[in-house]
Amino acid sequence: MKAVILAAGYATRLYPLTRNFPKPLLAVGGQTILDRLVNQIERALPGTSIWVVTNARFVGHFFDWARRHDDSDIRVLDDGTTGPENRLGAIGDLAFALERAGGTDNCLVAAADNLFEFDLAEFAAAFQRRPAVWICVHRVEDSARRRRTGIAELGPDDCVIGFEEKPAQPRSQWGVPPLYFLTAEAVGRVREYLASGRSTDSPGHFIAWLHTRVPVFAWRVRGMVHDIGTLESLAECRARFSAQTEKESGAAERQPREGET
């Protein structure tokens, strides 16, 4: 198993914060967004090789970050792009990372700008019980938000029978965050997808194409999903996770020390 984290975006909607600094390394509740994701991956999938793909503008920041994780199997890749005008897109970056990582392993794919309040180990267990392509889904009540994300239609046994990225007319409430398990077979089809000339942007476009060719299953999330795309959503996440951190710190301080009752 390997994990590919897509971190090569330029986050223009978060300017000026991200004009010269990468969004995944912004702090939320005392930790970077990327640290929170990596910690979840390492707990759920011990020993997994983690490949973080970024761009030439921000690669130095990621090298500095990786040096603080010298006890982990983390590699940082520079896709060579310098701005939004020549970026590879998420699927182009996925193909770039998979070529550098080599092998034909199963793969966890994650975007570096989402925060997940659920146990990734449960998602990994679903994949291990039934090795296939897996996405995770959560209910999205707001209709405007449904038009800004991937939307899945589910059939028997939570098999994906329909998928559309950012649909104008969403056909379900099942939103799909960019967090997938791909089999080795599916990994091998990323280049086939790119050769078809379809969009290289959001990774959901690949899932929309893939589910018509191989079985894709959905795991229903029990917990919140946060897409940090705007200054407002960043502020909301910072407030939420800071409150959680303070609560956890307070609970730890109230624990009796050894010898106390």
C-alpha atoms as a PDB file:
ATOM      1  CA  MET A   1       0.000   0.000   0.000  1.00  0.00           C
ATOM      2  CA  LYS A   2       1.149   3.515  -0.779  1.00  0.00           C
ATOM      3  CA  ALA A   3      -0.565   6.841  -0.179  1.00  0.00           C
ATOM      4  CA  VAL A   4      -0.487   9.777  -2.604  1.00  0.00           C
ATOM      5  CA  ILE A   5      -1.352  13.187  -1.180  1.00  0.00           C
ATOM      6  CA  LEU A   6      -2.222  15.827  -3.758  1.00  0.00           C
ATOM      7  CA  ALA A   7      -0.742  19.141  -2.586  1.00  0.00           C
ATOM      8  CA  ALA A   8       0.234  20.961  -5.795  1.00  0.00           C
ATOM      9  CA  GLY A   9      -2.588  23.502  -5.946  1.00  0.00           C
ATOM     10  CA  TYR A  10      -2.082  27.257  -5.685  1.00  0.00           C
ATOM     11  CA  ALA A  11      -5.135  28.085  -3.524  1.00  0.00           C
ATOM     12  CA  THR A  12      -5.858  31.402  -5.217  1.00  0.00           C
ATOM     13  CA  ARG A  13      -9.119  31.809  -3.281  1.00  0.00           C
ATOM     14  CA  LEU A  14      -7.077  32.060  -0.068  1.00  0.00           C
ATOM     15  CA  TYR A  15      -4.868  34.936  -1.237  1.00  0.00           C
ATOM     16  CA  PRO A  16      -3.028  36.720   0.313  1.00  0.00           C
ATOM     17  CA  LEU A  17      -2.409  33.889   2.834  1.00  0.00           C
ATOM     18  CA  THR A  18      -1.339  31.444   0.148  1.00  0.00           C
ATOM     19  CA  ARG A  19       0.341  33.718  -2.365  1.00  0.00           C
ATOM     20  CA  ASN A  20       3.750  32.555  -1.125  1.00  0.00           C
ATOM     21  CA  PHE A  21       2.800  29.745   1.247  1.00  0.00           C
ATOM     22  CA  PRO A  22       1.052  26.397   0.636  1.00  0.00           C
ATOM     23  CA  LYS A  23      -2.461  25.863   1.934  1.00  0.00           C
ATOM     24  CA  PRO A  24      -1.802  22.341   3.338  1.00  0.00           C
ATOM     25  CA  LEU A  25       0.795  23.787   5.731  1.00  0.00           C
ATOM     26  CA  LEU A  26      -1.556  26.370   7.231  1.00  0.00           C
ATOM     27  CA  ALA A  27      -2.240  25.726  10.906  1.00  0.00           C
ATOM     28  CA  VAL A  28      -5.654  24.598  12.113  1.00  0.00           C
ATOM     29  CA  GLY A  29      -6.081  23.971  15.826  1.00  0.00           C
ATOM     30  CA  GLY A  30      -2.361  23.856  16.544  1.00  0.00           C
ATOM     31  CA  GLN A  31      -1.451  21.477  13.694  1.00  0.00           C
ATOM     32  CA  THR A  32      -1.005  21.924   9.977  1.00  0.00           C
ATOM     33  CA  ILE A  33      -3.770  20.603   7.726  1.00  0.00           C
ATOM     34  CA  LEU A  34      -1.264  18.166   6.228  1.00  0.00           C
ATOM     35  CA  ASP A  35      -0.077  16.910   9.633  1.00  0.00           C
ATOM     36  CA  ARG A  36      -3.640  16.061  10.585  1.00  0.00           C
ATOM     37  CA  LEU A  37      -4.060  14.015   7.406  1.00  0.00           C
ATOM     38  CA  VAL A  38      -0.687  12.257   7.681  1.00  0.00           C
ATOM     39  CA  ASN A  39      -1.343  11.362  11.319  1.00  0.00           C
ATOM     40  CA  GLN A  40      -4.629   9.728  10.309  1.00  0.00           C
ATOM     41  CA  ILE A  41      -2.962   7.773   7.525  1.00  0.00           C
ATOM     42  CA  GLU A  42      -0.167   6.527   9.758  1.00  0.00           C
ATOM     43  CA  ARG A  43      -2.616   5.402  12.447  1.00  0.00           C
ATOM     44  CA  ALA A  44      -4.898   3.651   9.970  1.00  0.00           C
ATOM     45  CA  LEU A  45      -2.238   2.174   7.693  1.00  0.00           C
ATOM     46  CA  PRO A  46       1.012   1.649   9.642  1.00  0.00           C
ATOM     47  CA  GLY A  47       4.060   1.308   7.451  1.00  0.00           C
ATOM     48  CA  THR A  48       2.470   2.971   4.432  1.00  0.00           C
ATOM     49  CA  SER A  49       4.794   4.895   2.126  1.00  0.00           C
ATOM     50  CA  ILE A  50       3.450   8.448   1.765  1.00  0.00           C
ATOM     51  CA  TRP A  51       4.136  10.464  -1.385  1.00  0.00           C
ATOM     52  CA  VAL A  52       3.309  14.180  -1.271  1.00  0.00           C
ATOM     53  CA  VAL A  53       3.220  15.857  -4.687  1.00  0.00           C
ATOM     54  CA  THR A  54       3.587  19.631  -4.772  1.00  0.00           C
ATOM     55  CA  ASN A  55       4.869  22.305  -7.156  1.00  0.00           C
ATOM     56  CA  ALA A  56       8.093  24.206  -7.763  1.00  0.00           C
ATOM     57  CA  ARG A  57       6.837  27.339  -6.024  1.00  0.00           C
ATOM     58  CA  PHE A  58       6.165  25.626  -2.694  1.00  0.00           C
ATOM     59  CA  VAL A  59       8.423  22.571  -2.716  1.00  0.00           C
ATOM     60  CA  GLY A  60      10.929  24.165  -0.317  1.00  0.00           C
ATOM     61  CA  HIS A  61       8.232  24.555   2.334  1.00  0.00           C
ATOM     62  CA  PHE A  62       7.315  20.886   1.985  1.00  0.00           C
ATOM     63  CA  PHE A  63      10.944  19.758   2.206  1.00  0.00           C
ATOM     64  CA  ASP A  64      11.232  21.722   5.477  1.00  0.00           C
ATOM     65  CA  TRP A  65       8.019  20.103   6.705  1.00  0.00           C
ATOM     66  CA  ALA A  66       9.192  16.594   5.746  1.00  0.00           C
ATOM     67  CA  ARG A  67      12.467  17.022   7.643  1.00  0.00           C
ATOM     68  CA  ARG A  68      10.412  17.228  10.827  1.00  0.00           C
ATOM     69  CA  HIS A  69       9.035  13.771   9.998  1.00  0.00           C
ATOM     70  CA  ASP A  70      12.290  11.873   9.587  1.00  0.00           C
ATOM     71  CA  ASP A  71      10.793   8.903  11.470  1.00  0.00           C
ATOM     72  CA  SER A  72       8.136   8.476   8.765  1.00  0.00           C
ATOM     73  CA  ASP A  73       8.304   7.115   5.214  1.00  0.00           C
ATOM     74  CA  ILE A  74       7.447  10.401   3.484  1.00  0.00           C
ATOM     75  CA  ARG A  75       8.679  11.527   0.062  1.00  0.00           C
ATOM     76  CA  VAL A  76       8.079  14.991  -1.411  1.00  0.00           C
ATOM     77  CA  LEU A  77       7.769  15.312  -5.197  1.00  0.00           C
ATOM     78  CA  ASP A  78       8.067  18.519  -7.245  1.00  0.00           C
ATOM     79  CA  ASP A  79       5.821  18.441 -10.323  1.00  0.00           C
ATOM     80  CA  GLY A  80       7.813  21.319 -11.860  1.00  0.00           C
ATOM     81  CA  THR A  81       4.906  23.744 -12.292  1.00  0.00           C
ATOM     82  CA  THR A  82       5.156  27.356 -11.193  1.00  0.00           C
ATOM     83  CA  GLY A  83       1.604  28.763 -11.231  1.00  0.00           C
ATOM     84  CA  PRO A  84      -2.074  28.171 -12.004  1.00  0.00           C
ATOM     85  CA  GLU A  85      -1.447  28.753 -15.697  1.00  0.00           C
ATOM     86  CA  ASN A  86       0.778  25.663 -16.141  1.00  0.00           C
ATOM     87  CA  ARG A  87      -0.394  23.333 -13.359  1.00  0.00           C
ATOM     88  CA  LEU A  88      -0.903  19.661 -14.159  1.00  0.00           C
ATOM     89  CA  GLY A  89      -4.271  19.348 -12.402  1.00  0.00           C
ATOM     90  CA  ALA A  90      -5.021  16.868  -9.639  1.00  0.00           C
ATOM     91  CA  ILE A  91      -5.227  13.859 -11.962  1.00  0.00           C
ATOM     92  CA  GLY A  92      -2.082  14.890 -13.807  1.00  0.00           C
ATOM     93  CA  ASP A  93      -0.322  15.136 -10.453  1.00  0.00           C
ATOM     94  CA  LEU A  94      -1.676  11.730  -9.445  1.00  0.00           C
ATOM     95  CA  ALA A  95      -0.208  10.188 -12.601  1.00  0.00           C
ATOM     96  CA  PHE A  96       3.090  12.018 -11.989  1.00  0.00           C
ATOM     97  CA  ALA A  97       3.303  10.707  -8.409  1.00  0.00           C
ATOM     98  CA  LEU A  98       2.367   7.140  -9.343  1.00  0.00           C
ATOM     99  CA  GLU A  99       5.086   7.040 -12.001  1.00  0.00           C
ATOM    100  CA  ARG A 100       7.699   8.247  -9.507  1.00  0.00           C
ATOM    101  CA  ALA A 101       6.484   5.877  -6.778  1.00  0.00           C
ATOM    102  CA  GLY A 102       6.616   2.902  -9.153  1.00  0.00           C
ATOM    103  CA  GLY A 103       5.252  -0.560  -8.514  1.00  0.00           C
ATOM    104  CA  THR A 104       1.716  -1.845  -8.831  1.00  0.00           C
ATOM    105  CA  ASP A 105       0.533  -1.433  -5.244  1.00  0.00           C
ATOM    106  CA  ASN A 106      -2.916  -0.537  -4.045  1.00  0.00           C
ATOM    107  CA  CYS A 107      -3.101   3.166  -3.301  1.00  0.00           C
ATOM    108  CA  LEU A 108      -4.850   5.620  -1.016  1.00  0.00           C
ATOM    109  CA  VAL A 109      -5.398   8.972  -2.753  1.00  0.00           C
ATOM    110  CA  ALA A 110      -6.158  12.084  -0.713  1.00  0.00           C
ATOM    111  CA  ALA A 111      -6.314  15.821  -1.313  1.00  0.00           C
ATOM    112  CA  ALA A 112      -4.165  17.782   1.119  1.00  0.00           C
ATOM    113  CA  ASP A 113      -6.723  20.527   1.794  1.00  0.00           C
ATOM    114  CA  ASN A 114      -9.536  18.523   3.408  1.00  0.00           C
ATOM    115  CA  LEU A 115     -10.035  17.701   7.071  1.00  0.00           C
ATOM    116  CA  PHE A 116     -11.878  14.539   8.078  1.00  0.00           C
ATOM    117  CA  GLU A 117     -13.558  14.013  11.452  1.00  0.00           C
ATOM    118  CA  PHE A 118     -13.936  10.260  11.154  1.00  0.00           C
ATOM    119  CA  ASP A 119     -11.768   7.221  11.737  1.00  0.00           C
ATOM    120  CA  LEU A 120      -9.804   6.511   8.575  1.00  0.00           C
ATOM    121  CA  ALA A 121      -9.080   3.022   9.966  1.00  0.00           C
ATOM    122  CA  GLU A 122     -12.751   2.097   9.473  1.00  0.00           C
ATOM    123  CA  PHE A 123     -12.552   3.150   5.826  1.00  0.00           C
ATOM    124  CA  ALA A 124      -9.338   1.142   5.411  1.00  0.00           C
ATOM    125  CA  ALA A 125     -11.021  -1.895   6.995  1.00  0.00           C
ATOM    126  CA  ALA A 126     -13.833  -1.727   4.427  1.00  0.00           C
ATOM    127  CA  PHE A 127     -11.250  -1.772   1.629  1.00  0.00           C
ATOM    128  CA  GLN A 128      -9.376  -4.672   3.223  1.00  0.00           C
ATOM    129  CA  ARG A 129     -12.561  -6.718   3.648  1.00  0.00           C
ATOM    130  CA  ARG A 130     -13.481  -6.234   0.006  1.00  0.00           C
ATOM    131  CA  PRO A 131     -10.512  -5.187  -2.137  1.00  0.00           C
ATOM    132  CA  ALA A 132     -11.987  -2.938  -4.822  1.00  0.00           C
ATOM    133  CA  VAL A 133     -12.107   0.761  -5.627  1.00  0.00           C
ATOM    134  CA  TRP A 134     -13.683   2.585  -2.679  1.00  0.00           C
ATOM    135  CA  ILE A 135     -14.858   6.143  -2.226  1.00  0.00           C
ATOM    136  CA  CYS A 136     -16.308   7.639   0.937  1.00  0.00           C
ATOM    137  CA  VAL A 137     -19.601   9.518   0.945  1.00  0.00           C
ATOM    138  CA  HIS A 138     -21.401  11.853   3.325  1.00  0.00           C
ATOM    139  CA  ARG A 139     -24.766  13.558   3.184  1.00  0.00           C
ATOM    140  CA  VAL A 140     -24.664  17.104   1.842  1.00  0.00           C
ATOM    141  CA  GLU A 141     -27.872  18.896   2.721  1.00  0.00           C
ATOM    142  CA  ASP A 142     -27.112  22.246   1.092  1.00  0.00           C
ATOM    143  CA  SER A 143     -28.025  22.203  -2.614  1.00  0.00           C
ATOM    144  CA  ALA A 144     -25.471  24.881  -3.540  1.00  0.00           C
ATOM    145  CA  ARG A 145     -22.707  22.888  -1.878  1.00  0.00           C
ATOM    146  CA  ARG A 146     -23.787  19.749  -3.766  1.00  0.00           C
ATOM    147  CA  ARG A 147     -23.071  21.599  -7.006  1.00  0.00           C
ATOM    148  CA  ARG A 148     -19.485  22.228  -5.847  1.00  0.00           C
ATOM    149  CA  THR A 149     -18.471  18.649  -5.092  1.00  0.00           C
ATOM    150  CA  GLY A 150     -18.598  15.138  -6.489  1.00  0.00           C
ATOM    151  CA  ILE A 151     -21.994  13.461  -6.173  1.00  0.00           C
ATOM    152  CA  ALA A 152     -22.526   9.685  -6.163  1.00  0.00           C
ATOM    153  CA  GLU A 153     -25.634   7.629  -6.769  1.00  0.00           C
ATOM    154  CA  LEU A 154     -25.682   4.395  -4.784  1.00  0.00           C
ATOM    155  CA  GLY A 155     -27.213   1.074  -5.689  1.00  0.00           C
ATOM    156  CA  PRO A 156     -27.478  -2.268  -3.886  1.00  0.00           C
ATOM    157  CA  ASP A 157     -24.647  -3.009  -1.455  1.00  0.00           C
ATOM    158  CA  ASP A 158     -23.590   0.651  -1.784  1.00  0.00           C
ATOM    159  CA  CYS A 159     -22.177   0.024  -5.237  1.00  0.00           C
ATOM    160  CA  VAL A 160     -21.700   3.306  -7.125  1.00  0.00           C
ATOM    161  CA  ILE A 161     -24.123   3.376 -10.050  1.00  0.00           C
ATOM    162  CA  GLY A 162     -23.681   7.036 -10.933  1.00  0.00           C
ATOM    163  CA  PHE A 163     -21.091   9.724 -10.329  1.00  0.00           C
ATOM    164  CA  GLU A 164     -20.734  13.314 -11.478  1.00  0.00           C
ATOM    165  CA  GLU A 165     -18.215  15.952 -10.489  1.00  0.00           C
ATOM    166  CA  LYS A 166     -19.765  19.339  -9.639  1.00  0.00           C
ATOM    167  CA  PRO A 167     -23.135  18.573 -11.278  1.00  0.00           C
ATOM    168  CA  ALA A 168     -25.472  21.369 -12.291  1.00  0.00           C
ATOM    169  CA  GLN A 169     -28.405  19.147 -11.247  1.00  0.00           C
ATOM    170  CA  PRO A 170     -27.244  16.802  -8.451  1.00  0.00           C
ATOM    171  CA  ARG A 171     -29.029  13.444  -8.488  1.00  0.00           C
ATOM    172  CA  SER A 172     -28.421  12.558  -4.841  1.00  0.00           C
ATOM    173  CA  GLN A 173     -27.284  13.998  -1.527  1.00  0.00           C
ATOM    174  CA  TRP A 174     -24.185  11.794  -1.364  1.00  0.00           C
ATOM    175  CA  GLY A 175     -21.174  14.105  -1.535  1.00  0.00           C
ATOM    176  CA  VAL A 176     -17.798  12.553  -2.273  1.00  0.00           C
ATOM    177  CA  PRO A 177     -14.673  14.110  -0.732  1.00  0.00           C
ATOM    178  CA  PRO A 178     -11.334  13.500  -2.485  1.00  0.00           C
ATOM    179  CA  LEU A 179     -10.336  10.417  -0.486  1.00  0.00           C
ATOM    180  CA  TYR A 180     -10.241   7.099  -2.345  1.00  0.00           C
ATOM    181  CA  PHE A 181      -8.763   3.630  -2.203  1.00  0.00           C
ATOM    182  CA  LEU A 182      -7.614   2.446  -5.620  1.00  0.00           C
ATOM    183  CA  THR A 183      -6.692  -1.119  -6.485  1.00  0.00           C
ATOM    184  CA  ALA A 184      -3.522  -1.808  -8.430  1.00  0.00           C
ATOM    185  CA  GLU A 185      -5.719  -2.346 -11.498  1.00  0.00           C
ATOM    186  CA  ALA A 186      -7.318   1.086 -11.091  1.00  0.00           C
ATOM    187  CA  VAL A 187      -3.905   2.691 -10.553  1.00  0.00           C
ATOM    188  CA  GLY A 188      -2.884   1.264 -13.904  1.00  0.00           C
ATOM    189  CA  ARG A 189      -5.805   3.010 -15.608  1.00  0.00           C
ATOM    190  CA  VAL A 190      -4.904   6.584 -14.633  1.00  0.00           C
ATOM    191  CA  ARG A 191      -2.777   6.996 -17.760  1.00  0.00           C
ATOM    192  CA  GLU A 192      -5.565   5.475 -19.859  1.00  0.00           C
ATOM    193  CA  TYR A 193      -7.912   8.121 -18.480  1.00  0.00           C
ATOM    194  CA  LEU A 194      -5.480  10.943 -19.293  1.00  0.00           C
ATOM    195  CA  ALA A 195      -4.976   9.608 -22.813  1.00  0.00           C
ATOM    196  CA  SER A 196      -8.728   9.954 -23.385  1.00  0.00           C
ATOM    197  CA  GLY A 197      -8.377  13.751 -23.253  1.00  0.00           C
ATOM    198  CA  ARG A 198     -10.758  14.273 -20.333  1.00  0.00           C
ATOM    199  CA  SER A 199     -10.376  16.852 -17.547  1.00  0.00           C
ATOM    200  CA  THR A 200      -7.221  16.666 -15.438  1.00  0.00           C
ATOM    201  CA  ASP A 201      -8.608  18.968 -12.754  1.00  0.00           C
ATOM    202  CA  SER A 202     -10.662  17.512  -9.873  1.00  0.00           C
ATOM    203  CA  PRO A 203      -9.827  13.878  -9.007  1.00  0.00           C
ATOM    204  CA  GLY A 204     -13.550  13.074  -9.030  1.00  0.00           C
ATOM    205  CA  HIS A 205     -13.498  13.212 -12.823  1.00  0.00           C
ATOM    206  CA  PHE A 206     -11.363  10.067 -12.776  1.00  0.00           C
ATOM    207  CA  ILE A 207     -13.841   8.286 -10.472  1.00  0.00           C
ATOM    208  CA  ALA A 208     -16.731   9.327 -12.740  1.00  0.00           C
ATOM    209  CA  TRP A 209     -14.926   7.660 -15.659  1.00  0.00           C
ATOM    210  CA  LEU A 210     -13.674   4.665 -13.658  1.00  0.00           C
ATOM    211  CA  HIS A 211     -16.973   3.542 -12.125  1.00  0.00           C
ATOM    212  CA  THR A 212     -18.315   2.644 -15.586  1.00  0.00           C
ATOM    213  CA  ARG A 213     -15.368   0.283 -16.090  1.00  0.00           C
ATOM    214  CA  VAL A 214     -14.712  -1.399 -12.725  1.00  0.00           C
ATOM    215  CA  PRO A 215     -16.831  -1.874  -9.571  1.00  0.00           C
ATOM    216  CA  VAL A 216     -16.666   1.080  -7.191  1.00  0.00           C
ATOM    217  CA  PHE A 217     -18.100   0.935  -3.667  1.00  0.00           C
ATOM    218  CA  ALA A 218     -19.019   3.677  -1.216  1.00  0.00           C
ATOM    219  CA  TRP A 219     -18.305   3.805   2.513  1.00  0.00           C
ATOM    220  CA  ARG A 220     -20.699   6.019   4.447  1.00  0.00           C
ATOM    221  CA  VAL A 221     -18.815   8.470   6.624  1.00  0.00           C
ATOM    222  CA  ARG A 222     -19.726   8.835  10.279  1.00  0.00           C
ATOM    223  CA  GLY A 223     -18.249  12.255  10.965  1.00  0.00           C
ATOM    224  CA  MET A 224     -17.788  15.668   9.401  1.00  0.00           C
ATOM    225  CA  VAL A 225     -15.825  16.508   6.267  1.00  0.00           C
ATOM    226  CA  HIS A 226     -14.313  19.984   5.855  1.00  0.00           C
ATOM    227  CA  ASP A 227     -13.203  21.355   2.489  1.00  0.00           C
ATOM    228  CA  ILE A 228     -10.920  24.331   3.133  1.00  0.00           C
ATOM    229  CA  GLY A 229     -11.336  26.402   0.005  1.00  0.00           C
ATOM    230  CA  THR A 230     -12.050  29.944   1.163  1.00  0.00           C
ATOM    231  CA  LEU A 231     -10.972  32.318   3.906  1.00  0.00           C
ATOM    232  CA  GLU A 232     -14.384  31.808   5.520  1.00  0.00           C
ATOM    233  CA  SER A 233     -14.114  28.006   5.581  1.00  0.00           C
ATOM    234  CA  LEU A 234     -10.563  28.267   6.946  1.00  0.00           C
ATOM    235  CA  ALA A 235     -11.742  30.544   9.767  1.00  0.00           C
ATOM    236  CA  GLU A 236     -14.601  28.156  10.596  1.00  0.00           C
ATOM    237  CA  CYS A 237     -12.248  25.162  10.760  1.00  0.00           C
ATOM    238  CA  ARG A 238      -9.749  27.049  12.886  1.00  0.00           C
ATOM    239  CA  ALA A 239     -12.453  27.965  15.370  1.00  0.00           C
ATOM    240  CA  ARG A 240     -13.860  24.428  15.469  1.00  0.00           C
ATOM    241  CA  PHE A 241     -10.551  22.597  15.835  1.00  0.00           C
ATOM    242  CA  SER A 242      -9.128  25.129  18.297  1.00  0.00           C
ATOM    243  CA  ALA A 243     -12.165  24.561  20.514  1.00  0.00           C
ATOM    244  CA  GLN A 244     -11.659  20.792  20.249  1.00  0.00           C
ATOM    245  CA  THR A 245      -7.966  21.125  21.120  1.00  0.00           C
ATOM    246  CA  GLU A 246      -8.754  23.266  24.162  1.00  0.00           C
ATOM    247  CA  LYS A 247     -11.384  20.771  25.290  1.00  0.00           C
ATOM    248  CA  GLU A 248      -8.981  17.844  24.919  1.00  0.00           C
ATOM    249  CA  SER A 249      -6.220  19.736  26.746  1.00  0.00           C
ATOM    250  CA  GLY A 250      -8.589  20.556  29.595  1.00  0.00           C
ATOM    251  CA  ALA A 251      -9.682  16.937  29.869  1.00  0.00           C
ATOM    252  CA  ALA A 252      -6.056  15.783  29.974  1.00  0.00           C
ATOM    253  CA  GLU A 253      -5.257  18.269  32.751  1.00  0.00           C
ATOM    254  CA  ARG A 254      -8.184  16.975  34.799  1.00  0.00           C
ATOM    255  CA  GLN A 255      -6.954  13.364  34.661  1.00  0.00           C
ATOM    256  CA  PRO A 256      -5.631  12.243  38.078  1.00  0.00           C
ATOM    257  CA  ARG A 257      -1.880  11.860  38.218  1.00  0.00           C
ATOM    258  CA  GLU A 258      -0.200   8.657  39.412  1.00  0.00           C
ATOM    259  CA  GLY A 259      -0.895   8.158  43.109  1.00  0.00           C
ATOM    260  CA  GLU A 260      -3.934  10.450  43.111  1.00  0.00           C
ATOM    261  CA  THR A 261      -7.547   9.354  43.393  1.00  0.00           C
END
